[in-house]
N, C-alpha and C. Protein backbone atom coordinates (compact mmCIF):
# COMPACT_ATOMS: atom_id res chain seq x y z
N MET A 1 105.24 -82.61 127.85
CA MET A 1 105.94 -81.64 127.18
C MET A 1 105.20 -80.40 126.95
N GLY A 2 105.70 -79.20 127.10
CA GLY A 2 104.95 -78.04 126.80
C GLY A 2 105.29 -77.42 125.54
N LEU A 3 104.62 -76.60 124.96
CA LEU A 3 104.80 -76.09 123.63
C LEU A 3 104.46 -74.64 123.66
N ASP A 4 105.58 -73.65 123.18
CA ASP A 4 105.12 -72.37 122.88
C ASP A 4 104.98 -72.00 121.61
N VAL A 5 103.92 -71.27 121.13
CA VAL A 5 103.54 -71.07 119.75
C VAL A 5 103.90 -69.42 119.57
N VAL A 6 104.66 -69.05 118.84
CA VAL A 6 104.97 -67.91 118.45
C VAL A 6 104.78 -67.29 117.01
N VAL A 7 103.84 -66.25 116.94
CA VAL A 7 103.19 -65.99 115.55
C VAL A 7 103.76 -64.53 115.23
N ARG A 8 104.45 -64.44 114.28
CA ARG A 8 104.92 -63.09 113.77
C ARG A 8 104.16 -62.62 112.58
N ALA A 9 103.63 -61.47 112.63
CA ALA A 9 102.60 -60.87 111.84
C ALA A 9 103.66 -60.00 110.78
N LEU A 10 103.55 -60.34 109.61
CA LEU A 10 104.28 -59.41 108.64
C LEU A 10 103.41 -58.51 108.18
N PRO A 11 104.04 -57.26 107.59
CA PRO A 11 103.29 -56.26 106.96
C PRO A 11 101.98 -56.80 106.19
N ALA A 12 102.31 -57.74 105.19
CA ALA A 12 101.09 -57.96 104.39
C ALA A 12 99.91 -58.47 105.21
N SER A 13 100.25 -59.19 106.48
CA SER A 13 98.83 -59.35 107.04
C SER A 13 97.93 -58.52 107.36
N SER A 14 98.28 -57.20 107.33
CA SER A 14 97.47 -56.14 107.45
C SER A 14 96.33 -56.14 106.55
N THR A 15 96.49 -56.38 105.55
CA THR A 15 95.42 -56.56 104.43
C THR A 15 94.98 -57.87 104.12
N ALA A 16 95.23 -58.87 104.78
CA ALA A 16 94.77 -60.25 104.53
C ALA A 16 93.54 -60.31 105.19
N SER A 17 92.69 -61.35 104.74
CA SER A 17 91.44 -61.53 105.26
C SER A 17 91.58 -62.54 106.40
N TRP A 18 90.56 -62.67 107.10
CA TRP A 18 90.84 -63.66 108.27
C TRP A 18 90.82 -64.96 107.87
N ASP A 19 90.20 -65.53 106.76
CA ASP A 19 90.36 -66.65 106.17
C ASP A 19 91.64 -66.99 105.83
N ASP A 20 92.29 -65.85 105.10
CA ASP A 20 93.77 -66.19 104.48
C ASP A 20 94.69 -66.34 105.86
N LEU A 21 94.44 -65.60 106.79
CA LEU A 21 95.38 -65.68 107.95
C LEU A 21 95.18 -66.80 108.89
N SER A 22 94.06 -67.36 108.79
CA SER A 22 93.70 -68.57 109.61
C SER A 22 94.28 -69.77 108.71
N ALA A 23 94.25 -69.80 107.46
CA ALA A 23 94.71 -70.85 106.75
C ALA A 23 96.13 -71.01 106.72
N ASP A 24 96.62 -69.75 106.80
CA ASP A 24 98.27 -69.87 106.72
C ASP A 24 98.80 -70.16 108.10
N TYR A 25 98.09 -69.81 109.15
CA TYR A 25 98.51 -70.17 110.68
C TYR A 25 98.21 -71.78 110.79
N GLU A 26 97.25 -72.27 110.41
CA GLU A 26 96.88 -73.80 110.33
C GLU A 26 97.99 -74.45 109.58
N SER A 27 98.41 -74.14 108.42
CA SER A 27 99.20 -74.66 107.63
C SER A 27 100.63 -74.68 108.10
N ALA A 28 101.01 -73.38 108.77
CA ALA A 28 102.19 -73.47 109.27
C ALA A 28 102.46 -74.27 110.46
N LEU A 29 101.32 -74.10 111.54
CA LEU A 29 101.17 -75.09 112.64
C LEU A 29 101.45 -76.57 112.51
N GLY A 30 100.43 -77.06 111.54
CA GLY A 30 100.61 -78.45 110.86
C GLY A 30 101.93 -78.74 110.54
N ALA A 31 102.78 -77.99 109.88
CA ALA A 31 104.02 -78.22 109.32
C ALA A 31 104.90 -78.27 110.64
N ALA A 32 104.94 -77.40 111.41
CA ALA A 32 105.93 -77.49 112.71
C ALA A 32 105.55 -78.72 113.48
N LEU A 33 104.16 -79.19 113.61
CA LEU A 33 103.99 -80.57 114.47
C LEU A 33 104.45 -81.50 113.70
N ARG A 34 104.40 -81.78 112.38
CA ARG A 34 104.87 -82.88 111.76
C ARG A 34 106.36 -82.94 111.90
N ARG A 35 107.23 -81.70 111.94
CA ARG A 35 108.48 -81.62 111.95
C ARG A 35 108.92 -82.31 113.46
N LEU A 36 108.10 -81.62 114.34
CA LEU A 36 108.49 -82.05 115.61
C LEU A 36 108.43 -83.48 115.74
N GLU A 37 107.20 -84.19 115.43
CA GLU A 37 106.89 -85.63 115.30
C GLU A 37 108.05 -86.21 114.81
N ARG A 38 108.74 -85.80 113.79
CA ARG A 38 109.69 -86.54 113.16
C ARG A 38 111.16 -86.25 113.69
N GLY A 39 111.04 -85.07 114.29
CA GLY A 39 112.37 -84.96 115.03
C GLY A 39 113.28 -83.99 114.07
N THR A 40 112.84 -83.40 113.04
CA THR A 40 113.77 -82.71 112.26
C THR A 40 113.25 -81.02 112.38
N GLY A 41 114.23 -80.33 111.76
CA GLY A 41 114.00 -79.06 111.92
C GLY A 41 113.46 -78.48 110.63
N PRO A 42 113.53 -77.15 110.22
CA PRO A 42 112.98 -76.50 109.13
C PRO A 42 113.53 -76.79 107.94
N ASP A 43 115.08 -76.99 107.98
CA ASP A 43 115.70 -77.44 106.84
C ASP A 43 115.81 -79.07 106.67
N GLY A 44 114.98 -79.76 107.43
CA GLY A 44 114.98 -81.13 107.08
C GLY A 44 116.09 -82.00 108.14
N ALA A 45 116.89 -81.50 108.69
CA ALA A 45 118.13 -81.74 109.65
C ALA A 45 117.39 -82.40 110.73
N ALA A 46 118.01 -83.40 111.24
CA ALA A 46 117.49 -84.06 112.46
C ALA A 46 117.93 -83.09 113.70
N GLY A 47 117.09 -83.29 114.42
CA GLY A 47 117.31 -82.26 115.85
C GLY A 47 117.70 -83.11 116.82
N ARG A 48 118.08 -82.43 117.93
CA ARG A 48 118.66 -83.21 119.05
C ARG A 48 117.59 -84.29 119.61
N GLU A 49 118.15 -85.27 119.92
CA GLU A 49 117.49 -86.65 120.34
C GLU A 49 117.07 -86.25 121.68
N ARG A 50 115.74 -86.96 122.16
CA ARG A 50 114.97 -86.46 123.33
C ARG A 50 115.20 -87.77 124.15
N THR A 51 115.44 -87.38 125.54
CA THR A 51 115.51 -88.83 126.46
C THR A 51 113.80 -89.11 126.77
N ALA A 52 113.83 -90.14 127.40
CA ALA A 52 112.31 -90.66 127.73
C ALA A 52 111.43 -89.73 128.54
N ASP A 53 112.36 -88.86 129.36
CA ASP A 53 111.51 -87.78 130.16
C ASP A 53 111.05 -86.45 129.30
N GLY A 54 111.76 -86.34 128.00
CA GLY A 54 111.48 -85.33 127.32
C GLY A 54 112.68 -84.20 127.27
N SER A 55 113.56 -84.57 128.04
CA SER A 55 114.63 -83.53 128.00
C SER A 55 115.73 -83.64 126.74
N GLY A 56 116.46 -82.77 126.45
CA GLY A 56 117.27 -82.78 125.59
C GLY A 56 118.44 -83.93 125.93
N GLY A 57 119.33 -84.54 125.00
CA GLY A 57 120.11 -85.53 125.19
C GLY A 57 121.51 -84.98 125.12
């Protein structure tokens, strides 16, 4: 299964330190990967089930 990561930089990021940006990115990516593992979306709702080959069902 492939995975694309899209990062949106908000205006406040222009004054943030690299450490702050890195910590925010790692936190958001970790949360997204945990949701992907559980099969839930950002609101906690279950996503579409996947078939054995990884395609949508």
